[in-house]
Amino acid sequence: MPFCQKCGHEIMDGETVCPSCGAPVGGQAPLKATPAPQVGLTTIELVAFVFMIIGTIAMAFAIIPLVWCIPMTIHAKKAMDDHQKIGVGFKVCTLLFVSLIGGILLLVRDESACN
């Protein structure tokens, strides 16, 4: 059995990287883990969030609607940040009670990459 040229640890046949120090065996480069790309909000998500904020501010004249506008806006933002799917019912309620444009944008949001 060969030994690692860097640390001297015994290397099993067929291994390309030393299990002890990670040095390449036989001239091969060690495998590097590539971090997953950080993906932010898409343009549609950002515009939907902005219109939800505007809708919430517009509803401020009547105190009662703020009871559902603020929590719905916060929930939508958290779901978009975590790349989670948002239910159709929630999207329709957003359309009706928070912001017409924000709700429409949430309905056309591409959720194929969401968890």
PDB file of N, CA and C in Angstrom:
ATOM      1  N   MET A   1       0.835  -1.172   0.000  1.00  0.00           N
ATOM      2  CA  MET A   1       0.000   0.000   0.000  1.00  0.00           C
ATOM      3  C   MET A   1       0.884   1.241   0.000  1.00  0.00           C
ATOM      4  N   PRO A   2       0.460   2.260  -0.758  1.00  0.00           N
ATOM      5  CA  PRO A   2       1.247   3.488  -0.795  1.00  0.00           C
ATOM      6  C   PRO A   2       1.008   4.334   0.453  1.00  0.00           C
ATOM      7  N   PHE A   3       1.896   5.283   0.636  1.00  0.00           N
ATOM      8  CA  PHE A   3       1.796   6.225   1.746  1.00  0.00           C
ATOM      9  C   PHE A   3       1.742   7.640   1.184  1.00  0.00           C
ATOM     10  N   CYS A   4       1.076   8.529   1.905  1.00  0.00           N
ATOM     11  CA  CYS A   4       0.965   9.923   1.476  1.00  0.00           C
ATOM     12  C   CYS A   4       2.340  10.576   1.525  1.00  0.00           C
ATOM     13  N   GLN A   5       2.684  11.294   0.469  1.00  0.00           N
ATOM     14  CA  GLN A   5       3.981  11.959   0.402  1.00  0.00           C
ATOM     15  C   GLN A   5       4.025  13.193   1.298  1.00  0.00           C
ATOM     16  N   LYS A   6       2.832  13.695   1.671  1.00  0.00           N
ATOM     17  CA  LYS A   6       2.798  14.908   2.486  1.00  0.00           C
ATOM     18  C   LYS A   6       2.805  14.595   3.981  1.00  0.00           C
ATOM     19  N   CYS A   7       1.929  13.637   4.425  1.00  0.00           N
ATOM     20  CA  CYS A   7       1.813  13.380   5.863  1.00  0.00           C
ATOM     21  C   CYS A   7       2.265  11.983   6.265  1.00  0.00           C
ATOM     22  N   GLY A   8       2.451  11.089   5.308  1.00  0.00           N
ATOM     23  CA  GLY A   8       2.907   9.745   5.619  1.00  0.00           C
ATOM     24  C   GLY A   8       1.807   8.772   5.991  1.00  0.00           C
ATOM     25  N   HIS A   9       0.573   9.176   5.936  1.00  0.00           N
ATOM     26  CA  HIS A   9      -0.558   8.315   6.273  1.00  0.00           C
ATOM     27  C   HIS A   9      -0.719   7.236   5.209  1.00  0.00           C
ATOM     28  N   GLU A  10      -1.116   6.034   5.619  1.00  0.00           N
ATOM     29  CA  GLU A  10      -1.308   4.936   4.683  1.00  0.00           C
ATOM     30  C   GLU A  10      -2.548   5.193   3.825  1.00  0.00           C
ATOM     31  N   ILE A  11      -2.429   4.983   2.516  1.00  0.00           N
ATOM     32  CA  ILE A  11      -3.514   5.233   1.572  1.00  0.00           C
ATOM     33  C   ILE A  11      -3.943   3.912   0.965  1.00  0.00           C
ATOM     34  N   MET A  12      -5.244   3.656   0.970  1.00  0.00           N
ATOM     35  CA  MET A  12      -5.786   2.439   0.384  1.00  0.00           C
ATOM     36  C   MET A  12      -5.711   2.518  -1.136  1.00  0.00           C
ATOM     37  N   ASP A  13      -5.674   1.359  -1.784  1.00  0.00           N
ATOM     38  CA  ASP A  13      -5.652   1.332  -3.246  1.00  0.00           C
ATOM     39  C   ASP A  13      -6.931   1.955  -3.804  1.00  0.00           C
ATOM     40  N   GLY A  14      -6.770   2.747  -4.853  1.00  0.00           N
ATOM     41  CA  GLY A  14      -7.907   3.361  -5.524  1.00  0.00           C
ATOM     42  C   GLY A  14      -8.272   4.738  -5.004  1.00  0.00           C
ATOM     43  N   GLU A  15      -7.712   5.151  -3.874  1.00  0.00           N
ATOM     44  CA  GLU A  15      -8.022   6.486  -3.360  1.00  0.00           C
ATOM     45  C   GLU A  15      -7.213   7.524  -4.130  1.00  0.00           C
ATOM     46  N   THR A  16      -7.833   8.653  -4.404  1.00  0.00           N
ATOM     47  CA  THR A  16      -7.145   9.711  -5.142  1.00  0.00           C
ATOM     48  C   THR A  16      -6.728  10.854  -4.235  1.00  0.00           C
ATOM     49  N   VAL A  17      -7.246  10.861  -3.005  1.00  0.00           N
ATOM     50  CA  VAL A  17      -6.926  11.913  -2.044  1.00  0.00           C
ATOM     51  C   VAL A  17      -6.610  11.262  -0.704  1.00  0.00           C
ATOM     52  N   CYS A  18      -5.616  11.769  -0.022  1.00  0.00           N
ATOM     53  CA  CYS A  18      -5.250  11.253   1.298  1.00  0.00           C
ATOM     54  C   CYS A  18      -6.386  11.519   2.277  1.00  0.00           C
ATOM     55  N   PRO A  19      -6.888  10.495   2.985  1.00  0.00           N
ATOM     56  CA  PRO A  19      -7.983  10.699   3.932  1.00  0.00           C
ATOM     57  C   PRO A  19      -7.558  11.494   5.165  1.00  0.00           C
ATOM     58  N   SER A  20      -6.268  11.605   5.402  1.00  0.00           N
ATOM     59  CA  SER A  20      -5.782  12.309   6.572  1.00  0.00           C
ATOM     60  C   SER A  20      -5.598  13.804   6.327  1.00  0.00           C
ATOM     61  N   CYS A  21      -4.893  14.142   5.235  1.00  0.00           N
ATOM     62  CA  CYS A  21      -4.574  15.554   5.007  1.00  0.00           C
ATOM     63  C   CYS A  21      -5.218  16.133   3.754  1.00  0.00           C
ATOM     64  N   GLY A  22      -5.785  15.295   2.892  1.00  0.00           N
ATOM     65  CA  GLY A  22      -6.447  15.784   1.690  1.00  0.00           C
ATOM     66  C   GLY A  22      -5.529  16.057   0.527  1.00  0.00           C
ATOM     67  N   ALA A  23      -4.270  15.665   0.645  1.00  0.00           N
ATOM     68  CA  ALA A  23      -3.317  15.888  -0.437  1.00  0.00           C
ATOM     69  C   ALA A  23      -3.626  14.942  -1.595  1.00  0.00           C
ATOM     70  N   PRO A  24      -3.403  15.385  -2.832  1.00  0.00           N
ATOM     71  CA  PRO A  24      -3.665  14.514  -3.977  1.00  0.00           C
ATOM     72  C   PRO A  24      -2.691  13.340  -4.018  1.00  0.00           C
ATOM     73  N   VAL A  25      -3.181  12.213  -4.487  1.00  0.00           N
ATOM     74  CA  VAL A  25      -2.360  11.012  -4.626  1.00  0.00           C
ATOM     75  C   VAL A  25      -2.123  10.777  -6.104  1.00  0.00           C
ATOM     76  N   GLY A  26      -0.920  10.564  -6.490  1.00  0.00           N
ATOM     77  CA  GLY A  26      -0.608  10.262  -7.884  1.00  0.00           C
ATOM     78  C   GLY A  26      -0.744  11.444  -8.819  1.00  0.00           C
ATOM     79  N   GLY A  27      -0.559  12.642  -8.332  1.00  0.00           N
ATOM     80  CA  GLY A  27      -0.552  13.817  -9.194  1.00  0.00           C
ATOM     81  C   GLY A  27      -1.914  14.374  -9.526  1.00  0.00           C
ATOM     82  N   GLN A  28      -2.991  13.828  -8.954  1.00  0.00           N
ATOM     83  CA  GLN A  28      -4.312  14.352  -9.239  1.00  0.00           C
ATOM     84  C   GLN A  28      -4.634  15.477  -8.259  1.00  0.00           C
ATOM     85  N   ALA A  29      -5.376  16.446  -8.747  1.00  0.00           N
ATOM     86  CA  ALA A  29      -5.762  17.566  -7.895  1.00  0.00           C
ATOM     87  C   ALA A  29      -6.867  17.119  -6.942  1.00  0.00           C
ATOM     88  N   PRO A  30      -6.838  17.611  -5.706  1.00  0.00           N
ATOM     89  CA  PRO A  30      -7.892  17.237  -4.769  1.00  0.00           C
ATOM     90  C   PRO A  30      -9.230  17.839  -5.186  1.00  0.00           C
ATOM     91  N   LEU A  31     -10.277  17.142  -4.818  1.00  0.00           N
ATOM     92  CA  LEU A  31     -11.612  17.639  -5.124  1.00  0.00           C
ATOM     93  C   LEU A  31     -11.962  18.758  -4.161  1.00  0.00           C
ATOM     94  N   LYS A  32     -12.492  19.847  -4.693  1.00  0.00           N
ATOM     95  CA  LYS A  32     -12.880  20.978  -3.856  1.00  0.00           C
ATOM     96  C   LYS A  32     -14.393  21.096  -3.894  1.00  0.00           C
ATOM     97  N   ALA A  33     -14.956  21.300  -2.738  1.00  0.00           N
ATOM     98  CA  ALA A  33     -16.397  21.497  -2.659  1.00  0.00           C
ATOM     99  C   ALA A  33     -16.719  22.916  -3.095  1.00  0.00           C
ATOM    100  N   THR A  34     -17.640  23.036  -4.017  1.00  0.00           N
ATOM    101  CA  THR A  34     -18.052  24.362  -4.455  1.00  0.00           C
ATOM    102  C   THR A  34     -19.297  24.759  -3.681  1.00  0.00           C
ATOM    103  N   PRO A  35     -19.279  25.935  -3.079  1.00  0.00           N
ATOM    104  CA  PRO A  35     -20.443  26.359  -2.309  1.00  0.00           C
ATOM    105  C   PRO A  35     -21.627  26.635  -3.224  1.00  0.00           C
ATOM    106  N   ALA A  36     -22.804  26.391  -2.713  1.00  0.00           N
ATOM    107  CA  ALA A  36     -24.018  26.665  -3.490  1.00  0.00           C
ATOM    108  C   ALA A  36     -24.157  28.167  -3.672  1.00  0.00           C
ATOM    109  N   PRO A  37     -24.538  28.598  -4.863  1.00  0.00           N
ATOM    110  CA  PRO A  37     -24.670  30.031  -5.079  1.00  0.00           C
ATOM    111  C   PRO A  37     -25.815  30.604  -4.253  1.00  0.00           C
ATOM    112  N   GLN A  38     -25.583  31.770  -3.693  1.00  0.00           N
ATOM    113  CA  GLN A  38     -26.618  32.456  -2.934  1.00  0.00           C
ATOM    114  C   GLN A  38     -27.514  33.200  -3.907  1.00  0.00           C
ATOM    115  N   VAL A  39     -28.749  32.835  -3.911  1.00  0.00           N
ATOM    116  CA  VAL A  39     -29.687  33.441  -4.834  1.00  0.00           C
ATOM    117  C   VAL A  39     -30.593  34.368  -4.045  1.00  0.00           C
ATOM    118  N   GLY A  40     -30.687  35.620  -4.488  1.00  0.00           N
ATOM    119  CA  GLY A  40     -31.552  36.583  -3.818  1.00  0.00           C
ATOM    120  C   GLY A  40     -32.949  36.533  -4.397  1.00  0.00           C
ATOM    121  N   LEU A  41     -33.710  37.564  -4.113  1.00  0.00           N
ATOM    122  CA  LEU A  41     -35.061  37.648  -4.629  1.00  0.00           C
ATOM    123  C   LEU A  41     -35.030  37.923  -6.126  1.00  0.00           C
ATOM    124  N   THR A  42     -35.965  37.333  -6.842  1.00  0.00           N
ATOM    125  CA  THR A  42     -36.086  37.637  -8.260  1.00  0.00           C
ATOM    126  C   THR A  42     -36.747  39.003  -8.394  1.00  0.00           C
ATOM    127  N   THR A  43     -36.726  39.548  -9.589  1.00  0.00           N
ATOM    128  CA  THR A  43     -37.315  40.857  -9.827  1.00  0.00           C
ATOM    129  C   THR A  43     -38.800  40.857  -9.515  1.00  0.00           C
ATOM    130  N   ILE A  44     -39.495  39.810  -9.934  1.00  0.00           N
ATOM    131  CA  ILE A  44     -40.935  39.732  -9.672  1.00  0.00           C
ATOM    132  C   ILE A  44     -41.202  39.677  -8.171  1.00  0.00           C
ATOM    133  N   GLU A  45     -40.413  38.915  -7.432  1.00  0.00           N
ATOM    134  CA  GLU A  45     -40.600  38.829  -5.987  1.00  0.00           C
ATOM    135  C   GLU A  45     -40.359  40.180  -5.323  1.00  0.00           C
ATOM    136  N   LEU A  46     -39.315  40.871  -5.743  1.00  0.00           N
ATOM    137  CA  LEU A  46     -38.996  42.171  -5.161  1.00  0.00           C
ATOM    138  C   LEU A  46     -40.099  43.185  -5.458  1.00  0.00           C
ATOM    139  N   VAL A  47     -40.583  43.222  -6.693  1.00  0.00           N
ATOM    140  CA  VAL A  47     -41.655  44.158  -7.059  1.00  0.00           C
ATOM    141  C   VAL A  47     -42.941  43.803  -6.307  1.00  0.00           C
ATOM    142  N   ALA A  48     -43.244  42.513  -6.175  1.00  0.00           N
ATOM    143  CA  ALA A  48     -44.433  42.100  -5.419  1.00  0.00           C
ATOM    144  C   ALA A  48     -44.328  42.559  -3.976  1.00  0.00           C
ATOM    145  N   PHE A  49     -43.159  42.414  -3.371  1.00  0.00           N
ATOM    146  CA  PHE A  49     -42.954  42.839  -1.989  1.00  0.00           C
ATOM    147  C   PHE A  49     -43.124  44.353  -1.863  1.00  0.00           C
ATOM    148  N   VAL A  50     -42.582  45.108  -2.806  1.00  0.00           N
ATOM    149  CA  VAL A  50     -42.710  46.570  -2.769  1.00  0.00           C
ATOM    150  C   VAL A  50     -44.182  46.972  -2.858  1.00  0.00           C
ATOM    151  N   PHE A  51     -44.932  46.345  -3.760  1.00  0.00           N
ATOM    152  CA  PHE A  51     -46.346  46.680  -3.878  1.00  0.00           C
ATOM    153  C   PHE A  51     -47.131  46.240  -2.651  1.00  0.00           C
ATOM    154  N   MET A  52     -46.719  45.173  -1.993  1.00  0.00           N
ATOM    155  CA  MET A  52     -47.379  44.778  -0.752  1.00  0.00           C
ATOM    156  C   MET A  52     -47.128  45.818   0.341  1.00  0.00           C
ATOM    157  N   ILE A  53     -45.916  46.356   0.391  1.00  0.00           N
ATOM    158  CA  ILE A  53     -45.604  47.420   1.353  1.00  0.00           C
ATOM    159  C   ILE A  53     -46.454  48.657   1.053  1.00  0.00           C
ATOM    160  N   ILE A  54     -46.519  49.027  -0.238  1.00  0.00           N
ATOM    161  CA  ILE A  54     -47.323  50.191  -0.631  1.00  0.00           C
ATOM    162  C   ILE A  54     -48.789  49.966  -0.272  1.00  0.00           C
ATOM    163  N   GLY A  55     -49.307  48.765  -0.537  1.00  0.00           N
ATOM    164  CA  GLY A  55     -50.691  48.448  -0.184  1.00  0.00           C
ATOM    165  C   GLY A  55     -50.933  48.518   1.309  1.00  0.00           C
ATOM    166  N   THR A  56     -49.972  48.056   2.086  1.00  0.00           N
ATOM    167  CA  THR A  56     -50.094  48.112   3.544  1.00  0.00           C
ATOM    168  C   THR A  56     -50.110  49.557   4.024  1.00  0.00           C
ATOM    169  N   ILE A  57     -49.245  50.391   3.456  1.00  0.00           N
ATOM    170  CA  ILE A  57     -49.210  51.805   3.833  1.00  0.00           C
ATOM    171  C   ILE A  57     -50.510  52.496   3.417  1.00  0.00           C
ATOM    172  N   ALA A  58     -51.030  52.140   2.234  1.00  0.00           N
ATOM    173  CA  ALA A  58     -52.282  52.738   1.770  1.00  0.00           C
ATOM    174  C   ALA A  58     -53.451  52.355   2.681  1.00  0.00           C
ATOM    175  N   MET A  59     -53.392  51.188   3.297  1.00  0.00           N
ATOM    176  CA  MET A  59     -54.459  50.739   4.195  1.00  0.00           C
ATOM    177  C   MET A  59     -54.324  51.340   5.593  1.00  0.00           C
ATOM    178  N   ALA A  60     -53.281  52.096   5.835  1.00  0.00           N
ATOM    179  CA  ALA A  60     -53.030  52.627   7.179  1.00  0.00           C
ATOM    180  C   ALA A  60     -54.121  53.590   7.638  1.00  0.00           C
ATOM    181  N   PHE A  61     -54.873  54.172   6.705  1.00  0.00           N
ATOM    182  CA  PHE A  61     -55.942  55.089   7.113  1.00  0.00           C
ATOM    183  C   PHE A  61     -57.021  54.358   7.907  1.00  0.00           C
ATOM    184  N   ALA A  62     -57.202  53.086   7.631  1.00  0.00           N
ATOM    185  CA  ALA A  62     -58.158  52.278   8.386  1.00  0.00           C
ATOM    186  C   ALA A  62     -57.352  51.271   9.201  1.00  0.00           C
ATOM    187  N   ILE A  63     -57.399  51.402  10.484  1.00  0.00           N
ATOM    188  CA  ILE A  63     -56.556  50.599  11.373  1.00  0.00           C
ATOM    189  C   ILE A  63     -56.830  49.098  11.232  1.00  0.00           C
ATOM    190  N   ILE A  64     -58.064  48.673  11.093  1.00  0.00           N
ATOM    191  CA  ILE A  64     -58.427  47.259  11.064  1.00  0.00           C
ATOM    192  C   ILE A  64     -57.707  46.480   9.959  1.00  0.00           C
ATOM    193  N   PRO A  65     -57.635  46.976   8.702  1.00  0.00           N
ATOM    194  CA  PRO A  65     -56.958  46.196   7.660  1.00  0.00           C
ATOM    195  C   PRO A  65     -55.480  45.925   7.938  1.00  0.00           C
ATOM    196  N   LEU A  66     -54.855  46.753   8.765  1.00  0.00           N
ATOM    197  CA  LEU A  66     -53.442  46.514   9.088  1.00  0.00           C
ATOM    198  C   LEU A  66     -53.247  45.203   9.839  1.00  0.00           C
ATOM    199  N   VAL A  67     -54.325  44.713  10.473  1.00  0.00           N
ATOM    200  CA  VAL A  67     -54.245  43.461  11.223  1.00  0.00           C
ATOM    201  C   VAL A  67     -53.892  42.303  10.299  1.00  0.00           C
ATOM    202  N   TRP A  68     -54.313  42.334   9.040  1.00  0.00           N
ATOM    203  CA  TRP A  68     -53.959  41.260   8.114  1.00  0.00           C
ATOM    204  C   TRP A  68     -52.904  41.679   7.102  1.00  0.00           C
ATOM    205  N   CYS A  69     -52.786  42.974   6.790  1.00  0.00           N
ATOM    206  CA  CYS A  69     -51.804  43.417   5.783  1.00  0.00           C
ATOM    207  C   CYS A  69     -50.370  43.195   6.250  1.00  0.00           C
ATOM    208  N   ILE A  70     -50.079  43.597   7.460  1.00  0.00           N
ATOM    209  CA  ILE A  70     -48.702  43.479   7.959  1.00  0.00           C
ATOM    210  C   ILE A  70     -48.274  42.015   8.084  1.00  0.00           C
ATOM    211  N   PRO A  71     -49.067  41.137   8.743  1.00  0.00           N
ATOM    212  CA  PRO A  71     -48.636  39.732   8.824  1.00  0.00           C
ATOM    213  C   PRO A  71     -48.522  39.045   7.457  1.00  0.00           C
ATOM    214  N   MET A  72     -49.428  39.378   6.532  1.00  0.00           N
ATOM    215  CA  MET A  72     -49.354  38.763   5.206  1.00  0.00           C
ATOM    216  C   MET A  72     -48.094  39.201   4.468  1.00  0.00           C
ATOM    217  N   THR A  73     -47.745  40.471   4.592  1.00  0.00           N
ATOM    218  CA  THR A  73     -46.534  40.985   3.936  1.00  0.00           C
ATOM    219  C   THR A  73     -45.289  40.341   4.537  1.00  0.00           C
ATOM    220  N   ILE A  74     -45.249  40.219   5.846  1.00  0.00           N
ATOM    221  CA  ILE A  74     -44.096  39.593   6.516  1.00  0.00           C
ATOM    222  C   ILE A  74     -43.991  38.125   6.126  1.00  0.00           C
ATOM    223  N   HIS A  75     -45.122  37.411   6.108  1.00  0.00           N
ATOM    224  CA  HIS A  75     -45.108  35.991   5.732  1.00  0.00           C
ATOM    225  C   HIS A  75     -44.612  35.804   4.294  1.00  0.00           C
ATOM    226  N   ALA A  76     -45.099  36.641   3.383  1.00  0.00           N
ATOM    227  CA  ALA A  76     -44.678  36.534   1.979  1.00  0.00           C
ATOM    228  C   ALA A  76     -43.188  36.796   1.845  1.00  0.00           C
ATOM    229  N   LYS A  77     -42.668  37.794   2.549  1.00  0.00           N
ATOM    230  CA  LYS A  77     -41.237  38.120   2.472  1.00  0.00           C
ATOM    231  C   LYS A  77     -40.393  36.964   2.998  1.00  0.00           C
ATOM    232  N   LYS A  78     -40.795  36.358   4.117  1.00  0.00           N
ATOM    233  CA  LYS A  78     -40.043  35.228   4.669  1.00  0.00           C
ATOM    234  C   LYS A  78     -40.059  34.043   3.703  1.00  0.00           C
ATOM    235  N   ALA A  79     -41.211  33.780   3.107  1.00  0.00           N
ATOM    236  CA  ALA A  79     -41.318  32.670   2.155  1.00  0.00           C
ATOM    237  C   ALA A  79     -40.438  32.920   0.932  1.00  0.00           C
ATOM    238  N   MET A  80     -40.394  34.164   0.461  1.00  0.00           N
ATOM    239  CA  MET A  80     -39.554  34.486  -0.698  1.00  0.00           C
ATOM    240  C   MET A  80     -38.075  34.386  -0.335  1.00  0.00           C
ATOM    241  N   ASP A  81     -37.703  34.851   0.854  1.00  0.00           N
ATOM    242  CA  ASP A  81     -36.303  34.766   1.282  1.00  0.00           C
ATOM    243  C   ASP A  81     -35.840  33.323   1.424  1.00  0.00           C
ATOM    244  N   ASP A  82     -36.727  32.454   1.915  1.00  0.00           N
ATOM    245  CA  ASP A  82     -36.386  31.045   2.125  1.00  0.00           C
ATOM    246  C   ASP A  82     -36.650  30.185   0.892  1.00  0.00           C
ATOM    247  N   HIS A  83     -37.072  30.815  -0.203  1.00  0.00           N
ATOM    248  CA  HIS A  83     -37.377  30.121  -1.465  1.00  0.00           C
ATOM    249  C   HIS A  83     -38.380  29.003  -1.252  1.00  0.00           C
ATOM    250  N   GLN A  84     -39.449  29.326  -0.504  1.00  0.00           N
ATOM    251  CA  GLN A  84     -40.515  28.369  -0.252  1.00  0.00           C
ATOM    252  C   GLN A  84     -41.701  28.689  -1.155  1.00  0.00           C
ATOM    253  N   LYS A  85     -42.487  27.681  -1.434  1.00  0.00           N
ATOM    254  CA  LYS A  85     -43.692  27.885  -2.231  1.00  0.00           C
ATOM    255  C   LYS A  85     -44.731  28.623  -1.391  1.00  0.00           C
ATOM    256  N   ILE A  86     -45.511  29.440  -2.073  1.00  0.00           N
ATOM    257  CA  ILE A  86     -46.602  30.165  -1.430  1.00  0.00           C
ATOM    258  C   ILE A  86     -47.894  29.632  -2.024  1.00  0.00           C
ATOM    259  N   GLY A  87     -48.836  29.294  -1.175  1.00  0.00           N
ATOM    260  CA  GLY A  87     -50.099  28.712  -1.633  1.00  0.00           C
ATOM    261  C   GLY A  87     -50.923  29.677  -2.474  1.00  0.00           C
ATOM    262  N   VAL A  88     -51.734  29.117  -3.370  1.00  0.00           N
ATOM    263  CA  VAL A  88     -52.570  29.921  -4.257  1.00  0.00           C
ATOM    264  C   VAL A  88     -53.582  30.726  -3.449  1.00  0.00           C
ATOM    265  N   GLY A  89     -54.137  30.134  -2.402  1.00  0.00           N
ATOM    266  CA  GLY A  89     -55.090  30.848  -1.559  1.00  0.00           C
ATOM    267  C   GLY A  89     -54.488  32.097  -0.939  1.00  0.00           C
ATOM    268  N   PHE A  90     -53.256  31.971  -0.454  1.00  0.00           N
ATOM    269  CA  PHE A  90     -52.563  33.121   0.123  1.00  0.00           C
ATOM    270  C   PHE A  90     -52.334  34.192  -0.942  1.00  0.00           C
ATOM    271  N   LYS A  91     -51.978  33.757  -2.144  1.00  0.00           N
ATOM    272  CA  LYS A  91     -51.733  34.705  -3.234  1.00  0.00           C
ATOM    273  C   LYS A  91     -53.008  35.455  -3.601  1.00  0.00           C
ATOM    274  N   VAL A  92     -54.131  34.747  -3.661  1.00  0.00           N
ATOM    275  CA  VAL A  92     -55.409  35.385  -3.992  1.00  0.00           C
ATOM    276  C   VAL A  92     -55.823  36.347  -2.875  1.00  0.00           C
ATOM    277  N   CYS A  93     -55.622  35.950  -1.629  1.00  0.00           N
ATOM    278  CA  CYS A  93     -55.934  36.848  -0.513  1.00  0.00           C
ATOM    279  C   CYS A  93     -55.051  38.094  -0.565  1.00  0.00           C
ATOM    280  N   THR A  94     -53.800  37.927  -0.935  1.00  0.00           N
ATOM    281  CA  THR A  94     -52.914  39.082  -1.104  1.00  0.00           C
ATOM    282  C   THR A  94     -53.457  39.996  -2.195  1.00  0.00           C
ATOM    283  N   LEU A  95     -53.893  39.405  -3.287  1.00  0.00           N
ATOM    284  CA  LEU A  95     -54.456  40.158  -4.397  1.00  0.00           C
ATOM    285  C   LEU A  95     -55.691  40.953  -3.945  1.00  0.00           C
ATOM    286  N   LEU A  96     -56.553  40.335  -3.156  1.00  0.00           N
ATOM    287  CA  LEU A  96     -57.797  40.976  -2.750  1.00  0.00           C
ATOM    288  C   LEU A  96     -57.642  41.962  -1.590  1.00  0.00           C
ATOM    289  N   PHE A  97     -56.810  41.619  -0.608  1.00  0.00           N
ATOM    290  CA  PHE A  97     -56.796  42.389   0.632  1.00  0.00           C
ATOM    291  C   PHE A  97     -55.566  43.255   0.862  1.00  0.00           C
ATOM    292  N   VAL A  98     -54.476  43.020   0.155  1.00  0.00           N
ATOM    293  CA  VAL A  98     -53.263  43.801   0.404  1.00  0.00           C
ATOM    294  C   VAL A  98     -52.923  44.666  -0.798  1.00  0.00           C
ATOM    295  N   SER A  99     -52.657  44.043  -1.930  1.00  0.00           N
ATOM    296  CA  SER A  99     -52.233  44.794  -3.107  1.00  0.00           C
ATOM    297  C   SER A  99     -52.613  44.017  -4.358  1.00  0.00           C
ATOM    298  N   LEU A 100     -53.335  44.660  -5.231  1.00  0.00           N
ATOM    299  CA  LEU A 100     -53.752  44.020  -6.477  1.00  0.00           C
ATOM    300  C   LEU A 100     -52.540  43.610  -7.306  1.00  0.00           C
ATOM    301  N   ILE A 101     -51.617  44.535  -7.503  1.00  0.00           N
ATOM    302  CA  ILE A 101     -50.428  44.243  -8.321  1.00  0.00           C
ATOM    303  C   ILE A 101     -49.519  43.243  -7.617  1.00  0.00           C
ATOM    304  N   GLY A 102     -49.315  43.411  -6.301  1.00  0.00           N
ATOM    305  CA  GLY A 102     -48.489  42.464  -5.555  1.00  0.00           C
ATOM    306  C   GLY A 102     -49.037  41.049  -5.617  1.00  0.00           C
ATOM    307  N   GLY A 103     -50.365  40.914  -5.507  1.00  0.00           N
ATOM    308  CA  GLY A 103     -50.991  39.597  -5.589  1.00  0.00           C
ATOM    309  C   GLY A 103     -50.845  38.972  -6.962  1.00  0.00           C
ATOM    310  N   ILE A 104     -51.017  39.797  -8.010  1.00  0.00           N
ATOM    311  CA  ILE A 104     -50.841  39.288  -9.379  1.00  0.00           C
ATOM    312  C   ILE A 104     -49.409  38.824  -9.593  1.00  0.00           C
ATOM    313  N   LEU A 105     -48.453  39.600  -9.109  1.00  0.00           N
ATOM    314  CA  LEU A 105     -47.051  39.215  -9.276  1.00  0.00           C
ATOM    315  C   LEU A 105     -46.723  37.936  -8.508  1.00  0.00           C
ATOM    316  N   LEU A 106     -47.330  37.752  -7.343  1.00  0.00           N
ATOM    317  CA  LEU A 106     -47.123  36.502  -6.616  1.00  0.00           C
ATOM    318  C   LEU A 106     -47.736  35.321  -7.384  1.00  0.00           C
ATOM    319  N   LEU A 107     -48.876  35.564  -8.039  1.00  0.00           N
ATOM    320  CA  LEU A 107     -49.507  34.486  -8.807  1.00  0.00           C
ATOM    321  C   LEU A 107     -48.660  34.060 -10.000  1.00  0.00           C
ATOM    322  N   VAL A 108     -47.925  34.981 -10.606  1.00  0.00           N
ATOM    323  CA  VAL A 108     -47.104  34.627 -11.777  1.00  0.00           C
ATOM    324  C   VAL A 108     -45.677  34.266 -11.370  1.00  0.00           C
ATOM    325  N   ARG A 109     -45.395  34.278 -10.090  1.00  0.00           N
ATOM    326  CA  ARG A 109     -44.056  33.938  -9.588  1.00  0.00           C
ATOM    327  C   ARG A 109     -43.695  32.512  -9.983  1.00  0.00           C
ATOM    328  N   ASP A 110     -42.479  32.338 -10.478  1.00  0.00           N
ATOM    329  CA  ASP A 110     -41.997  31.012 -10.872  1.00  0.00           C
ATOM    330  C   ASP A 110     -41.533  30.280  -9.614  1.00  0.00           C
ATOM    331  N   GLU A 111     -42.241  29.232  -9.229  1.00  0.00           N
ATOM    332  CA  GLU A 111     -41.909  28.484  -8.019  1.00  0.00           C
ATOM    333  C   GLU A 111     -41.238  27.152  -8.329  1.00  0.00           C
ATOM    334  N   SER A 112     -40.734  26.993  -9.534  1.00  0.00           N
ATOM    335  CA  SER A 112     -40.114  25.715  -9.892  1.00  0.00           C
ATOM    336  C   SER A 112     -38.822  25.489  -9.122  1.00  0.00           C
ATOM    337  N   ALA A 113     -38.141  26.555  -8.690  1.00  0.00           N
ATOM    338  CA  ALA A 113     -36.885  26.398  -7.952  1.00  0.00           C
ATOM    339  C   ALA A 113     -37.092  26.426  -6.459  1.00  0.00           C
ATOM    340  N   CYS A 114     -38.346  26.540  -5.996  1.00  0.00           N
ATOM    341  CA  CYS A 114     -38.629  26.612  -4.570  1.00  0.00           C
ATOM    342  C   CYS A 114     -38.621  25.222  -3.941  1.00  0.00           C
ATOM    343  N   ASN A 115     -38.407  25.220  -2.623  1.00  0.00           N
ATOM    344  CA  ASN A 115     -38.393  23.955  -1.859  1.00  0.00           C
ATOM    345  C   ASN A 115     -39.764  23.357  -1.800  1.00  0.00           C
TER     346      ASN A 115
END
